[in-house]
Amino acid sequence: MSIEECSLRTASQKMSDMRVFFKKTEKRCKITFKEYATYTGIPLEELEPFRLPPNYKFAS
């Protein structure tokens, strides 16, 4: 959402489209930053500020 400044619904649809494109249709399969950059055409360097730290814990 914050990378492309779109709604949650639009972001979810884009992620779903990327999963199909990269043949990662199972829920446990994640899209990597490199794959996201490839799919969107955004240089990987420009995505770095959006990367979460490796020890980040999601709220449950």
PDB file of N, CA and C in Angstrom:
ATOM      1  N   MET A   1       0.813  -1.184   0.000  1.00  0.00           N
ATOM      2  CA  MET A   1       0.000   0.000   0.000  1.00  0.00           C
ATOM      3  C   MET A   1       0.862   1.255   0.000  1.00  0.00           C
ATOM      4  N   SER A   2       1.860   1.275   0.866  1.00  0.00           N
ATOM      5  CA  SER A   2       2.668   2.487   0.992  1.00  0.00           C
ATOM      6  C   SER A   2       3.628   2.670  -0.181  1.00  0.00           C
ATOM      7  N   ILE A   3       4.044   1.592  -0.815  1.00  0.00           N
ATOM      8  CA  ILE A   3       4.970   1.711  -1.944  1.00  0.00           C
ATOM      9  C   ILE A   3       4.270   2.359  -3.137  1.00  0.00           C
ATOM     10  N   GLU A   4       3.090   1.883  -3.467  1.00  0.00           N
ATOM     11  CA  GLU A   4       2.393   2.382  -4.651  1.00  0.00           C
ATOM     12  C   GLU A   4       1.267   3.354  -4.304  1.00  0.00           C
ATOM     13  N   GLU A   5       1.124   3.671  -3.030  1.00  0.00           N
ATOM     14  CA  GLU A   5       0.096   4.601  -2.565  1.00  0.00           C
ATOM     15  C   GLU A   5      -1.280   4.239  -3.108  1.00  0.00           C
ATOM     16  N   CYS A   6      -1.712   3.018  -2.763  1.00  0.00           N
ATOM     17  CA  CYS A   6      -3.015   2.541  -3.211  1.00  0.00           C
ATOM     18  C   CYS A   6      -3.782   2.000  -2.001  1.00  0.00           C
ATOM     19  N   SER A   7      -5.029   1.625  -2.220  1.00  0.00           N
ATOM     20  CA  SER A   7      -5.858   1.099  -1.141  1.00  0.00           C
ATOM     21  C   SER A   7      -5.440  -0.332  -0.788  1.00  0.00           C
ATOM     22  N   LEU A   8      -5.911  -0.802   0.349  1.00  0.00           N
ATOM     23  CA  LEU A   8      -5.619  -2.166   0.788  1.00  0.00           C
ATOM     24  C   LEU A   8      -6.153  -3.175  -0.227  1.00  0.00           C
ATOM     25  N   ARG A   9      -7.334  -2.939  -0.725  1.00  0.00           N
ATOM     26  CA  ARG A   9      -7.939  -3.853  -1.700  1.00  0.00           C
ATOM     27  C   ARG A   9      -7.107  -3.919  -2.988  1.00  0.00           C
ATOM     28  N   THR A  10      -6.675  -2.777  -3.481  1.00  0.00           N
ATOM     29  CA  THR A  10      -5.862  -2.739  -4.695  1.00  0.00           C
ATOM     30  C   THR A  10      -4.521  -3.421  -4.463  1.00  0.00           C
ATOM     31  N   ALA A  11      -3.906  -3.168  -3.304  1.00  0.00           N
ATOM     32  CA  ALA A  11      -2.622  -3.801  -2.975  1.00  0.00           C
ATOM     33  C   ALA A  11      -2.780  -5.320  -2.898  1.00  0.00           C
ATOM     34  N   SER A  12      -3.863  -5.785  -2.285  1.00  0.00           N
ATOM     35  CA  SER A  12      -4.112  -7.230  -2.193  1.00  0.00           C
ATOM     36  C   SER A  12      -4.286  -7.844  -3.577  1.00  0.00           C
ATOM     37  N   GLN A  13      -4.994  -7.148  -4.451  1.00  0.00           N
ATOM     38  CA  GLN A  13      -5.201  -7.660  -5.807  1.00  0.00           C
ATOM     39  C   GLN A  13      -3.886  -7.723  -6.573  1.00  0.00           C
ATOM     40  N   LYS A  14      -3.048  -6.703  -6.397  1.00  0.00           N
ATOM     41  CA  LYS A  14      -1.742  -6.702  -7.068  1.00  0.00           C
ATOM     42  C   LYS A  14      -0.877  -7.853  -6.567  1.00  0.00           C
ATOM     43  N   MET A  15      -0.905  -8.111  -5.254  1.00  0.00           N
ATOM     44  CA  MET A  15      -0.131  -9.231  -4.694  1.00  0.00           C
ATOM     45  C   MET A  15      -0.658 -10.551  -5.240  1.00  0.00           C
ATOM     46  N   SER A  16      -1.962 -10.663  -5.344  1.00  0.00           N
ATOM     47  CA  SER A  16      -2.565 -11.873  -5.898  1.00  0.00           C
ATOM     48  C   SER A  16      -2.139 -12.074  -7.355  1.00  0.00           C
ATOM     49  N   ASP A  17      -2.147 -10.998  -8.126  1.00  0.00           N
ATOM     50  CA  ASP A  17      -1.710 -11.064  -9.527  1.00  0.00           C
ATOM     51  C   ASP A  17      -0.244 -11.481  -9.622  1.00  0.00           C
ATOM     52  N   MET A  18       0.594 -10.967  -8.717  1.00  0.00           N
ATOM     53  CA  MET A  18       2.019 -11.329  -8.715  1.00  0.00           C
ATOM     54  C   MET A  18       2.210 -12.798  -8.365  1.00  0.00           C
ATOM     55  N   ARG A  19       1.409 -13.307  -7.408  1.00  0.00           N
ATOM     56  CA  ARG A  19       1.524 -14.721  -7.047  1.00  0.00           C
ATOM     57  C   ARG A  19       1.232 -15.603  -8.255  1.00  0.00           C
ATOM     58  N   VAL A  20       0.224 -15.246  -9.020  1.00  0.00           N
ATOM     59  CA  VAL A  20      -0.115 -16.015 -10.230  1.00  0.00           C
ATOM     60  C   VAL A  20       1.021 -15.897 -11.243  1.00  0.00           C
ATOM     61  N   PHE A  21       1.520 -14.677 -11.456  1.00  0.00           N
ATOM     62  CA  PHE A  21       2.596 -14.436 -12.416  1.00  0.00           C
ATOM     63  C   PHE A  21       3.830 -15.269 -12.101  1.00  0.00           C
ATOM     64  N   PHE A  22       4.202 -15.342 -10.801  1.00  0.00           N
ATOM     65  CA  PHE A  22       5.395 -16.086 -10.392  1.00  0.00           C
ATOM     66  C   PHE A  22       5.085 -17.532 -10.003  1.00  0.00           C
ATOM     67  N   LYS A  23       3.843 -17.957 -10.259  1.00  0.00           N
ATOM     68  CA  LYS A  23       3.398 -19.325  -9.952  1.00  0.00           C
ATOM     69  C   LYS A  23       3.607 -19.667  -8.473  1.00  0.00           C
ATOM     70  N   LYS A  24       3.245 -18.731  -7.614  1.00  0.00           N
ATOM     71  CA  LYS A  24       3.322 -18.914  -6.164  1.00  0.00           C
ATOM     72  C   LYS A  24       1.917 -18.783  -5.590  1.00  0.00           C
ATOM     73  N   THR A  25       1.028 -19.664  -6.011  1.00  0.00           N
ATOM     74  CA  THR A  25      -0.377 -19.528  -5.663  1.00  0.00           C
ATOM     75  C   THR A  25      -0.725 -20.045  -4.268  1.00  0.00           C
ATOM     76  N   GLU A  26       0.162 -20.793  -3.627  1.00  0.00           N
ATOM     77  CA  GLU A  26      -0.116 -21.251  -2.269  1.00  0.00           C
ATOM     78  C   GLU A  26       0.091 -20.102  -1.286  1.00  0.00           C
ATOM     79  N   LYS A  27      -0.747 -20.032  -0.255  1.00  0.00           N
ATOM     80  CA  LYS A  27      -0.700 -18.935   0.711  1.00  0.00           C
ATOM     81  C   LYS A  27       0.669 -18.802   1.381  1.00  0.00           C
ATOM     82  N   ARG A  28       1.345 -19.915   1.614  1.00  0.00           N
ATOM     83  CA  ARG A  28       2.624 -19.870   2.336  1.00  0.00           C
ATOM     84  C   ARG A  28       3.768 -19.314   1.486  1.00  0.00           C
ATOM     85  N   CYS A  29       3.567 -19.230   0.183  1.00  0.00           N
ATOM     86  CA  CYS A  29       4.601 -18.710  -0.719  1.00  0.00           C
ATOM     87  C   CYS A  29       4.593 -17.188  -0.692  1.00  0.00           C
ATOM     88  N   LYS A  30       5.742 -16.623  -0.445  1.00  0.00           N
ATOM     89  CA  LYS A  30       5.873 -15.171  -0.344  1.00  0.00           C
ATOM     90  C   LYS A  30       6.509 -14.586  -1.597  1.00  0.00           C
ATOM     91  N   ILE A  31       6.174 -13.340  -1.863  1.00  0.00           N
ATOM     92  CA  ILE A  31       6.787 -12.597  -2.959  1.00  0.00           C
ATOM     93  C   ILE A  31       7.998 -11.869  -2.384  1.00  0.00           C
ATOM     94  N   THR A  32       9.145 -12.010  -3.014  1.00  0.00           N
ATOM     95  CA  THR A  32      10.362 -11.358  -2.527  1.00  0.00           C
ATOM     96  C   THR A  32      10.450  -9.923  -3.072  1.00  0.00           C
ATOM     97  N   PHE A  33      11.318  -9.122  -2.469  1.00  0.00           N
ATOM     98  CA  PHE A  33      11.538  -7.768  -2.949  1.00  0.00           C
ATOM     99  C   PHE A  33      12.049  -7.785  -4.383  1.00  0.00           C
ATOM    100  N   LYS A  34      12.913  -8.740  -4.692  1.00  0.00           N
ATOM    101  CA  LYS A  34      13.459  -8.836  -6.043  1.00  0.00           C
ATOM    102  C   LYS A  34      12.351  -9.144  -7.047  1.00  0.00           C
ATOM    103  N   GLU A  35      11.449 -10.059  -6.702  1.00  0.00           N
ATOM    104  CA  GLU A  35      10.330 -10.385  -7.581  1.00  0.00           C
ATOM    105  C   GLU A  35       9.394  -9.185  -7.740  1.00  0.00           C
ATOM    106  N   TYR A  36       9.153  -8.491  -6.631  1.00  0.00           N
ATOM    107  CA  TYR A  36       8.298  -7.302  -6.683  1.00  0.00           C
ATOM    108  C   TYR A  36       8.905  -6.255  -7.614  1.00  0.00           C
ATOM    109  N   ALA A  37      10.204  -6.044  -7.483  1.00  0.00           N
ATOM    110  CA  ALA A  37      10.897  -5.070  -8.334  1.00  0.00           C
ATOM    111  C   ALA A  37      10.811  -5.488  -9.803  1.00  0.00           C
ATOM    112  N   THR A  38      10.992  -6.757 -10.073  1.00  0.00           N
ATOM    113  CA  THR A  38      10.904  -7.267 -11.442  1.00  0.00           C
ATOM    114  C   THR A  38       9.512  -7.045 -12.008  1.00  0.00           C
ATOM    115  N   TYR A  39       8.497  -7.390 -11.240  1.00  0.00           N
ATOM    116  CA  TYR A  39       7.109  -7.302 -11.699  1.00  0.00           C
ATOM    117  C   TYR A  39       6.676  -5.854 -11.942  1.00  0.00           C
ATOM    118  N   THR A  40       7.046  -4.954 -11.030  1.00  0.00           N
ATOM    119  CA  THR A  40       6.581  -3.567 -11.123  1.00  0.00           C
ATOM    120  C   THR A  40       7.485  -2.676 -11.961  1.00  0.00           C
ATOM    121  N   GLY A  41       8.737  -3.097 -12.141  1.00  0.00           N
ATOM    122  CA  GLY A  41       9.681  -2.265 -12.873  1.00  0.00           C
ATOM    123  C   GLY A  41      10.326  -1.195 -12.003  1.00  0.00           C
ATOM    124  N   ILE A  42      10.085  -1.264 -10.693  1.00  0.00           N
ATOM    125  CA  ILE A  42      10.697  -0.320  -9.759  1.00  0.00           C
ATOM    126  C   ILE A  42      12.084  -0.847  -9.415  1.00  0.00           C
ATOM    127  N   PRO A  43      13.133  -0.032  -9.538  1.00  0.00           N
ATOM    128  CA  PRO A  43      14.479  -0.502  -9.185  1.00  0.00           C
ATOM    129  C   PRO A  43      14.540  -0.950  -7.717  1.00  0.00           C
ATOM    130  N   LEU A  44      15.233  -2.040  -7.478  1.00  0.00           N
ATOM    131  CA  LEU A  44      15.348  -2.615  -6.140  1.00  0.00           C
ATOM    132  C   LEU A  44      15.871  -1.597  -5.127  1.00  0.00           C
ATOM    133  N   GLU A  45      16.772  -0.733  -5.551  1.00  0.00           N
ATOM    134  CA  GLU A  45      17.341   0.280  -4.650  1.00  0.00           C
ATOM    135  C   GLU A  45      16.266   1.226  -4.121  1.00  0.00           C
ATOM    136  N   GLU A  46      15.261   1.508  -4.926  1.00  0.00           N
ATOM    137  CA  GLU A  46      14.189   2.401  -4.499  1.00  0.00           C
ATOM    138  C   GLU A  46      13.243   1.737  -3.511  1.00  0.00           C
ATOM    139  N   LEU A  47      13.251   0.412  -3.448  1.00  0.00           N
ATOM    140  CA  LEU A  47      12.384  -0.314  -2.524  1.00  0.00           C
ATOM    141  C   LEU A  47      13.013  -0.497  -1.142  1.00  0.00           C
ATOM    142  N   GLU A  48      14.314  -0.297  -1.028  1.00  0.00           N
ATOM    143  CA  GLU A  48      15.020  -0.519   0.237  1.00  0.00           C
ATOM    144  C   GLU A  48      14.405   0.211   1.437  1.00  0.00           C
ATOM    145  N   PRO A  49      13.966   1.463   1.307  1.00  0.00           N
ATOM    146  CA  PRO A  49      13.385   2.139   2.476  1.00  0.00           C
ATOM    147  C   PRO A  49      12.116   1.456   3.009  1.00  0.00           C
ATOM    148  N   PHE A  50      11.473   0.618   2.211  1.00  0.00           N
ATOM    149  CA  PHE A  50      10.247  -0.056   2.630  1.00  0.00           C
ATOM    150  C   PHE A  50      10.500  -1.422   3.261  1.00  0.00           C
ATOM    151  N   ARG A  51      11.726  -1.887   3.228  1.00  0.00           N
ATOM    152  CA  ARG A  51      12.070  -3.203   3.771  1.00  0.00           C
ATOM    153  C   ARG A  51      12.007  -3.170   5.298  1.00  0.00           C
ATOM    154  N   LEU A  52      11.384  -4.197   5.881  1.00  0.00           N
ATOM    155  CA  LEU A  52      11.306  -4.304   7.335  1.00  0.00           C
ATOM    156  C   LEU A  52      12.580  -4.934   7.867  1.00  0.00           C
ATOM    157  N   PRO A  53      12.977  -4.572   9.081  1.00  0.00           N
ATOM    158  CA  PRO A  53      14.171  -5.197   9.666  1.00  0.00           C
ATOM    159  C   PRO A  53      13.966  -6.704   9.839  1.00  0.00           C
ATOM    160  N   PRO A  54      15.038  -7.496   9.785  1.00  0.00           N
ATOM    161  CA  PRO A  54      14.906  -8.959   9.853  1.00  0.00           C
ATOM    162  C   PRO A  54      14.260  -9.463  11.136  1.00  0.00           C
ATOM    163  N   ASN A  55      14.365  -8.725  12.228  1.00  0.00           N
ATOM    164  CA  ASN A  55      13.800  -9.186  13.500  1.00  0.00           C
ATOM    165  C   ASN A  55      12.425  -8.573  13.785  1.00  0.00           C
ATOM    166  N   TYR A  56      11.769  -8.007  12.782  1.00  0.00           N
ATOM    167  CA  TYR A  56      10.458  -7.378  12.934  1.00  0.00           C
ATOM    168  C   TYR A  56       9.412  -8.430  13.250  1.00  0.00           C
ATOM    169  N   LYS A  57       8.586  -8.162  14.252  1.00  0.00           N
ATOM    170  CA  LYS A  57       7.505  -9.082  14.632  1.00  0.00           C
ATOM    171  C   LYS A  57       6.170  -8.469  14.233  1.00  0.00           C
ATOM    172  N   PHE A  58       5.357  -9.234  13.505  1.00  0.00           N
ATOM    173  CA  PHE A  58       4.048  -8.768  13.096  1.00  0.00           C
ATOM    174  C   PHE A  58       3.105  -8.812  14.297  1.00  0.00           C
ATOM    175  N   ALA A  59       2.180  -7.873  14.369  1.00  0.00           N
ATOM    176  CA  ALA A  59       1.172  -7.880  15.434  1.00  0.00           C
ATOM    177  C   ALA A  59       0.223  -9.057  15.200  1.00  0.00           C
ATOM    178  N   SER A  60      -0.131  -9.721  16.280  1.00  0.00           N
ATOM    179  CA  SER A  60      -1.048 -10.867  16.121  1.00  0.00           C
ATOM    180  C   SER A  60      -2.391 -10.610  16.710  1.00  0.00           C
TER     181      SER A  60
END
